[in-house]
Amino acid sequence: PLSDDFIRYYSKFSAVIGKNIRVIQNGTEFTAYATGIDDQGGLIVTTDEGQTLTLRYGEVTIRI
């Protein structure tokens, strides 16, 4: 697990946390809201359907 200090620092300067994003993972695309980082560095998101997921790989872009 990553240290709490690192997670707080990473979260503070993340370009995606607190933003609506588009995720492309395994050829599947979906939209979500980035809510945070877990203790292993995964991006925690809530999909537009209300499902909470932790992303460990894939492509993320900020929706405009």
N, C-alpha and C. Protein backbone atom coordinates (compact mmCIF):
# COMPACT_ATOMS: atom_id res chain seq x y z
N PRO A 1 0.82 -1.21 0.00
CA PRO A 1 0.00 0.00 0.00
C PRO A 1 0.86 1.27 0.00
N LEU A 2 0.33 2.30 -0.60
CA LEU A 2 1.01 3.59 -0.62
C LEU A 2 0.77 4.33 0.69
N SER A 3 1.67 5.22 1.04
CA SER A 3 1.50 5.97 2.28
C SER A 3 0.36 6.97 2.16
N ASP A 4 -0.26 7.29 3.29
CA ASP A 4 -1.34 8.27 3.30
C ASP A 4 -0.85 9.63 2.81
N ASP A 5 0.38 10.00 3.16
CA ASP A 5 0.94 11.28 2.70
C ASP A 5 1.03 11.32 1.19
N PHE A 6 1.48 10.24 0.58
CA PHE A 6 1.60 10.20 -0.87
C PHE A 6 0.22 10.29 -1.53
N ILE A 7 -0.75 9.54 -1.01
CA ILE A 7 -2.10 9.57 -1.58
C ILE A 7 -2.69 10.97 -1.48
N ARG A 8 -2.52 11.64 -0.35
CA ARG A 8 -3.03 13.01 -0.20
C ARG A 8 -2.35 13.94 -1.20
N TYR A 9 -1.02 13.84 -1.35
CA TYR A 9 -0.27 14.67 -2.29
C TYR A 9 -0.73 14.40 -3.73
N TYR A 10 -0.79 13.13 -4.09
CA TYR A 10 -1.20 12.76 -5.45
C TYR A 10 -2.61 13.25 -5.74
N SER A 11 -3.51 13.07 -4.78
CA SER A 11 -4.90 13.51 -4.95
C SER A 11 -4.99 15.02 -5.12
N LYS A 12 -4.21 15.76 -4.35
CA LYS A 12 -4.25 17.22 -4.40
C LYS A 12 -3.85 17.75 -5.78
N PHE A 13 -2.89 17.09 -6.42
CA PHE A 13 -2.38 17.59 -7.70
C PHE A 13 -2.88 16.80 -8.91
N SER A 14 -3.79 15.87 -8.70
CA SER A 14 -4.33 15.08 -9.80
C SER A 14 -5.15 15.97 -10.75
N ALA A 15 -4.99 15.73 -12.03
CA ALA A 15 -5.76 16.48 -13.03
C ALA A 15 -7.16 15.91 -13.23
N VAL A 16 -7.43 14.72 -12.71
CA VAL A 16 -8.71 14.08 -12.98
C VAL A 16 -9.65 13.97 -11.77
N ILE A 17 -9.12 13.95 -10.56
CA ILE A 17 -9.99 13.80 -9.40
C ILE A 17 -10.91 15.01 -9.29
N GLY A 18 -12.20 14.72 -9.12
CA GLY A 18 -13.20 15.77 -9.05
C GLY A 18 -13.72 16.18 -10.42
N LYS A 19 -13.37 15.40 -11.43
CA LYS A 19 -13.78 15.72 -12.81
C LYS A 19 -14.60 14.58 -13.40
N ASN A 20 -15.44 14.96 -14.37
CA ASN A 20 -16.10 13.96 -15.20
C ASN A 20 -15.07 13.49 -16.22
N ILE A 21 -14.98 12.17 -16.39
CA ILE A 21 -13.96 11.61 -17.27
C ILE A 21 -14.56 10.60 -18.24
N ARG A 22 -13.80 10.31 -19.27
CA ARG A 22 -14.12 9.25 -20.21
C ARG A 22 -13.04 8.20 -20.05
N VAL A 23 -13.44 6.95 -19.91
CA VAL A 23 -12.50 5.85 -19.68
C VAL A 23 -12.57 4.90 -20.87
N ILE A 24 -11.41 4.50 -21.36
CA ILE A 24 -11.33 3.45 -22.38
C ILE A 24 -10.51 2.33 -21.76
N GLN A 25 -11.15 1.17 -21.61
CA GLN A 25 -10.50 0.04 -20.94
C GLN A 25 -10.88 -1.23 -21.68
N ASN A 26 -9.87 -1.95 -22.17
CA ASN A 26 -10.12 -3.19 -22.93
C ASN A 26 -11.05 -2.97 -24.11
N GLY A 27 -10.93 -1.83 -24.78
CA GLY A 27 -11.76 -1.54 -25.93
C GLY A 27 -13.17 -1.07 -25.60
N THR A 28 -13.49 -0.99 -24.32
CA THR A 28 -14.80 -0.52 -23.88
C THR A 28 -14.67 0.90 -23.37
N GLU A 29 -15.63 1.73 -23.75
CA GLU A 29 -15.60 3.13 -23.33
C GLU A 29 -16.81 3.43 -22.44
N PHE A 30 -16.56 4.17 -21.35
CA PHE A 30 -17.66 4.60 -20.49
C PHE A 30 -17.30 5.92 -19.84
N THR A 31 -18.29 6.59 -19.31
CA THR A 31 -18.06 7.86 -18.63
C THR A 31 -18.23 7.67 -17.13
N ALA A 32 -17.53 8.50 -16.36
CA ALA A 32 -17.54 8.37 -14.91
C ALA A 32 -17.09 9.68 -14.28
N TYR A 33 -17.16 9.72 -12.96
CA TYR A 33 -16.69 10.86 -12.16
C TYR A 33 -15.57 10.34 -11.27
N ALA A 34 -14.38 10.93 -11.37
CA ALA A 34 -13.23 10.49 -10.58
C ALA A 34 -13.35 11.03 -9.16
N THR A 35 -13.35 10.13 -8.17
CA THR A 35 -13.57 10.55 -6.79
C THR A 35 -12.35 10.47 -5.90
N GLY A 36 -11.35 9.65 -6.26
CA GLY A 36 -10.18 9.56 -5.39
C GLY A 36 -9.19 8.50 -5.84
N ILE A 37 -8.22 8.26 -4.96
CA ILE A 37 -7.16 7.27 -5.18
C ILE A 37 -7.19 6.29 -4.01
N ASP A 38 -7.12 4.99 -4.32
CA ASP A 38 -7.09 4.03 -3.21
C ASP A 38 -5.67 3.82 -2.71
N ASP A 39 -5.49 2.99 -1.69
CA ASP A 39 -4.18 2.84 -1.07
C ASP A 39 -3.17 2.07 -1.91
N GLN A 40 -3.59 1.60 -3.09
CA GLN A 40 -2.67 0.94 -4.01
C GLN A 40 -2.45 1.77 -5.27
N GLY A 41 -2.98 2.98 -5.29
CA GLY A 41 -2.77 3.88 -6.42
C GLY A 41 -3.82 3.80 -7.50
N GLY A 42 -4.88 3.02 -7.28
CA GLY A 42 -5.95 2.91 -8.27
C GLY A 42 -6.85 4.13 -8.23
N LEU A 43 -7.40 4.49 -9.38
CA LEU A 43 -8.32 5.62 -9.49
C LEU A 43 -9.73 5.15 -9.18
N ILE A 44 -10.35 5.74 -8.17
CA ILE A 44 -11.72 5.39 -7.79
C ILE A 44 -12.66 6.30 -8.57
N VAL A 45 -13.64 5.67 -9.25
CA VAL A 45 -14.60 6.42 -10.05
C VAL A 45 -16.01 5.93 -9.77
N THR A 46 -16.96 6.81 -10.05
CA THR A 46 -18.37 6.44 -10.02
C THR A 46 -18.89 6.61 -11.43
N THR A 47 -19.43 5.52 -12.00
CA THR A 47 -19.93 5.58 -13.37
C THR A 47 -21.23 6.38 -13.41
N ASP A 48 -21.63 6.75 -14.61
CA ASP A 48 -22.89 7.47 -14.78
C ASP A 48 -24.08 6.64 -14.32
N GLU A 49 -23.91 5.32 -14.24
CA GLU A 49 -24.97 4.43 -13.77
C GLU A 49 -24.95 4.26 -12.26
N GLY A 50 -23.98 4.91 -11.56
CA GLY A 50 -23.90 4.86 -10.11
C GLY A 50 -23.02 3.77 -9.54
N GLN A 51 -22.33 3.02 -10.38
CA GLN A 51 -21.44 1.95 -9.92
C GLN A 51 -20.08 2.53 -9.55
N THR A 52 -19.54 2.12 -8.40
CA THR A 52 -18.21 2.55 -7.99
C THR A 52 -17.19 1.50 -8.43
N LEU A 53 -16.15 1.96 -9.13
CA LEU A 53 -15.10 1.08 -9.63
C LEU A 53 -13.74 1.63 -9.25
N THR A 54 -12.74 0.76 -9.19
CA THR A 54 -11.36 1.19 -9.02
C THR A 54 -10.62 0.79 -10.29
N LEU A 55 -10.08 1.78 -10.97
CA LEU A 55 -9.35 1.55 -12.22
C LEU A 55 -7.87 1.36 -11.92
N ARG A 56 -7.30 0.31 -12.47
CA ARG A 56 -5.89 0.02 -12.28
C ARG A 56 -5.11 0.17 -13.59
N TYR A 57 -5.82 0.25 -14.69
CA TYR A 57 -5.19 0.44 -15.99
C TYR A 57 -6.24 0.97 -16.95
N GLY A 58 -5.82 1.50 -18.07
CA GLY A 58 -6.73 2.02 -19.08
C GLY A 58 -6.37 3.45 -19.43
N GLU A 59 -7.14 4.02 -20.31
CA GLU A 59 -6.92 5.39 -20.76
C GLU A 59 -8.04 6.26 -20.21
N VAL A 60 -7.66 7.39 -19.63
CA VAL A 60 -8.63 8.31 -19.03
C VAL A 60 -8.43 9.69 -19.65
N THR A 61 -9.53 10.31 -20.06
CA THR A 61 -9.48 11.70 -20.52
C THR A 61 -10.55 12.48 -19.79
N ILE A 62 -10.30 13.76 -19.61
CA ILE A 62 -11.28 14.64 -18.95
C ILE A 62 -12.34 15.00 -19.98
N ARG A 63 -13.59 14.81 -19.63
CA ARG A 63 -14.70 15.17 -20.51
C ARG A 63 -14.90 16.67 -20.46
N ILE A 64 -15.08 17.26 -21.59
CA ILE A 64 -15.31 18.71 -21.67
C ILE A 64 -16.72 18.96 -22.16
